[in-house]
Amino acid sequence: MREVVSITCITINRRAEGHFIGRPRNHVHLFVNAHPIFAPANIVKIFKGITAKKLFEKHPELRNQLWNGHLWNPSYYVGTCGDATKDAIERYVAMQKVK
């Protein structure tokens, strides 16, 4: 999963700079820096679409193991971090795993 997410972040780099910063048991944390003209909803849609396509190509058996063959839940959360650095965000996410 980390490899597919990293490749996807590189793929969307034309629209946003993305960094995979963690995958707890049932969700993914990304740190994305994008120009304001790119809506977060569109970045999430692109990310989910590319990662699902690549994972299903690499592991077609996953489609049978998932509810209705969907990799991603349609929901997502987007938050802003102001002037926080990538390192600060990574530390925050790491602390969430401990709690």
C-alpha atoms as a PDB file:
ATOM      1  CA  MET A   1       0.000   0.000   0.000  1.00  0.00           C
ATOM      2  CA  ARG A   2       2.809   2.434   0.865  1.00  0.00           C
ATOM      3  CA  GLU A   3       4.320   1.977  -2.615  1.00  0.00           C
ATOM      4  CA  VAL A   4       1.014   2.607  -4.399  1.00  0.00           C
ATOM      5  CA  VAL A   5       0.299   5.665  -2.249  1.00  0.00           C
ATOM      6  CA  SER A   6       3.796   7.057  -2.877  1.00  0.00           C
ATOM      7  CA  ILE A   7       3.455   6.564  -6.645  1.00  0.00           C
ATOM      8  CA  THR A   8       0.061   8.249  -6.557  1.00  0.00           C
ATOM      9  CA  CYS A   9       1.466  11.226  -4.653  1.00  0.00           C
ATOM     10  CA  ILE A  10       4.106  11.585  -7.373  1.00  0.00           C
ATOM     11  CA  THR A  11       1.419  11.277 -10.062  1.00  0.00           C
ATOM     12  CA  ILE A  12      -0.711  14.076  -8.592  1.00  0.00           C
ATOM     13  CA  ASN A  13       2.367  16.220  -8.028  1.00  0.00           C
ATOM     14  CA  ARG A  14       1.402  18.317 -11.032  1.00  0.00           C
ATOM     15  CA  ARG A  15      -1.638  19.408  -9.017  1.00  0.00           C
ATOM     16  CA  ALA A  16      -0.366  19.064  -5.465  1.00  0.00           C
ATOM     17  CA  GLU A  17       2.663  17.983  -3.505  1.00  0.00           C
ATOM     18  CA  GLY A  18       1.668  14.875  -1.582  1.00  0.00           C
ATOM     19  CA  HIS A  19       3.454  12.938   1.125  1.00  0.00           C
ATOM     20  CA  PHE A  20       2.351   9.630   2.601  1.00  0.00           C
ATOM     21  CA  ILE A  21       2.815  10.031   6.348  1.00  0.00           C
ATOM     22  CA  GLY A  22       1.083   7.059   7.850  1.00  0.00           C
ATOM     23  CA  ARG A  23      -1.413   4.270   7.542  1.00  0.00           C
ATOM     24  CA  PRO A  24      -3.093   3.231  10.748  1.00  0.00           C
ATOM     25  CA  ARG A  25      -5.232   0.111  10.636  1.00  0.00           C
ATOM     26  CA  ASN A  26      -8.169   1.463   8.655  1.00  0.00           C
ATOM     27  CA  HIS A  27      -7.264   4.806   7.067  1.00  0.00           C
ATOM     28  CA  VAL A  28      -4.464   6.765   5.394  1.00  0.00           C
ATOM     29  CA  HIS A  29      -2.820  10.048   6.435  1.00  0.00           C
ATOM     30  CA  LEU A  30      -1.540  12.304   3.665  1.00  0.00           C
ATOM     31  CA  PHE A  31       0.108  15.689   3.938  1.00  0.00           C
ATOM     32  CA  VAL A  32      -0.764  17.635   0.790  1.00  0.00           C
ATOM     33  CA  ASN A  33       0.344  21.078  -0.309  1.00  0.00           C
ATOM     34  CA  ALA A  34      -1.680  22.423  -3.218  1.00  0.00           C
ATOM     35  CA  HIS A  35      -2.363  25.706  -4.943  1.00  0.00           C
ATOM     36  CA  PRO A  36      -5.720  27.148  -3.854  1.00  0.00           C
ATOM     37  CA  ILE A  37      -7.171  26.695  -7.342  1.00  0.00           C
ATOM     38  CA  PHE A  38      -7.224  22.913  -6.741  1.00  0.00           C
ATOM     39  CA  ALA A  39     -10.139  21.910  -4.550  1.00  0.00           C
ATOM     40  CA  PRO A  40      -9.330  19.396  -1.809  1.00  0.00           C
ATOM     41  CA  ALA A  41     -12.306  17.299  -2.947  1.00  0.00           C
ATOM     42  CA  ASN A  42     -10.772  16.938  -6.415  1.00  0.00           C
ATOM     43  CA  ILE A  43      -7.374  15.970  -5.004  1.00  0.00           C
ATOM     44  CA  VAL A  44      -9.013  13.310  -2.812  1.00  0.00           C
ATOM     45  CA  LYS A  45     -11.034  12.011  -5.781  1.00  0.00           C
ATOM     46  CA  ILE A  46      -7.904  11.737  -7.939  1.00  0.00           C
ATOM     47  CA  PHE A  47      -5.954  10.077  -5.123  1.00  0.00           C
ATOM     48  CA  LYS A  48      -8.657   7.502  -4.403  1.00  0.00           C
ATOM     49  CA  GLY A  49      -9.185   6.747  -8.097  1.00  0.00           C
ATOM     50  CA  ILE A  50      -5.513   6.223  -8.935  1.00  0.00           C
ATOM     51  CA  THR A  51      -4.731   4.149  -5.844  1.00  0.00           C
ATOM     52  CA  ALA A  52      -7.773   1.896  -6.341  1.00  0.00           C
ATOM     53  CA  LYS A  53      -6.919   1.340 -10.005  1.00  0.00           C
ATOM     54  CA  LYS A  54      -3.262   0.508  -9.261  1.00  0.00           C
ATOM     55  CA  LEU A  55      -4.064  -1.794  -6.329  1.00  0.00           C
ATOM     56  CA  PHE A  56      -6.745  -3.682  -8.282  1.00  0.00           C
ATOM     57  CA  GLU A  57      -4.339  -4.084 -11.217  1.00  0.00           C
ATOM     58  CA  LYS A  58      -1.649  -5.446  -8.900  1.00  0.00           C
ATOM     59  CA  HIS A  59      -4.031  -7.511  -6.719  1.00  0.00           C
ATOM     60  CA  PRO A  60      -7.262  -8.304  -8.619  1.00  0.00           C
ATOM     61  CA  GLU A  61      -8.359 -10.679  -5.840  1.00  0.00           C
ATOM     62  CA  LEU A  62      -8.934  -7.640  -3.600  1.00  0.00           C
ATOM     63  CA  ARG A  63     -12.063  -6.728  -5.531  1.00  0.00           C
ATOM     64  CA  ASN A  64     -13.757  -9.928  -4.319  1.00  0.00           C
ATOM     65  CA  GLN A  65     -12.736  -9.313  -0.712  1.00  0.00           C
ATOM     66  CA  LEU A  66     -14.178  -5.795  -0.526  1.00  0.00           C
ATOM     67  CA  TRP A  67     -17.769  -4.705  -0.103  1.00  0.00           C
ATOM     68  CA  ASN A  68     -19.176  -4.097  -3.608  1.00  0.00           C
ATOM     69  CA  GLY A  69     -15.608  -4.118  -4.942  1.00  0.00           C
ATOM     70  CA  HIS A  70     -14.880  -0.617  -3.620  1.00  0.00           C
ATOM     71  CA  LEU A  71     -11.487   0.079  -2.086  1.00  0.00           C
ATOM     72  CA  TRP A  72     -12.327   3.435  -0.530  1.00  0.00           C
ATOM     73  CA  ASN A  73     -15.181   4.672   1.593  1.00  0.00           C
ATOM     74  CA  PRO A  74     -16.667   7.781  -0.061  1.00  0.00           C
ATOM     75  CA  SER A  75     -15.965   9.944   2.995  1.00  0.00           C
ATOM     76  CA  TYR A  76     -12.773  11.809   3.843  1.00  0.00           C
ATOM     77  CA  TYR A  77     -11.503  14.503   6.185  1.00  0.00           C
ATOM     78  CA  VAL A  78      -9.502  17.558   5.169  1.00  0.00           C
ATOM     79  CA  GLY A  79      -7.903  19.895   7.667  1.00  0.00           C
ATOM     80  CA  THR A  80      -5.544  22.819   7.371  1.00  0.00           C
ATOM     81  CA  CYS A  81      -2.294  23.153   9.254  1.00  0.00           C
ATOM     82  CA  GLY A  82      -1.301  26.777   8.732  1.00  0.00           C
ATOM     83  CA  ASP A  83       2.455  27.158   8.906  1.00  0.00           C
ATOM     84  CA  ALA A  84       3.089  23.752  10.482  1.00  0.00           C
ATOM     85  CA  THR A  85       5.946  21.849   8.887  1.00  0.00           C
ATOM     86  CA  LYS A  86       5.781  18.368   7.425  1.00  0.00           C
ATOM     87  CA  ASP A  87       7.895  17.148  10.369  1.00  0.00           C
ATOM     88  CA  ALA A  88       5.437  18.596  12.895  1.00  0.00           C
ATOM     89  CA  ILE A  89       2.523  16.911  11.120  1.00  0.00           C
ATOM     90  CA  GLU A  90       4.404  13.589  11.000  1.00  0.00           C
ATOM     91  CA  ARG A  91       5.081  13.798  14.757  1.00  0.00           C
ATOM     92  CA  TYR A  92       1.404  14.551  15.403  1.00  0.00           C
ATOM     93  CA  VAL A  93       0.273  11.556  13.317  1.00  0.00           C
ATOM     94  CA  ALA A  94       2.840   9.310  15.040  1.00  0.00           C
ATOM     95  CA  MET A  95       1.452  10.343  18.422  1.00  0.00           C
ATOM     96  CA  GLN A  96      -2.067   9.434  17.287  1.00  0.00           C
ATOM     97  CA  LYS A  97      -0.890   5.848  16.739  1.00  0.00           C
ATOM     98  CA  VAL A  98       0.275   5.687  20.367  1.00  0.00           C
ATOM     99  CA  LYS A  99      -3.022   6.887  21.821  1.00  0.00           C
END
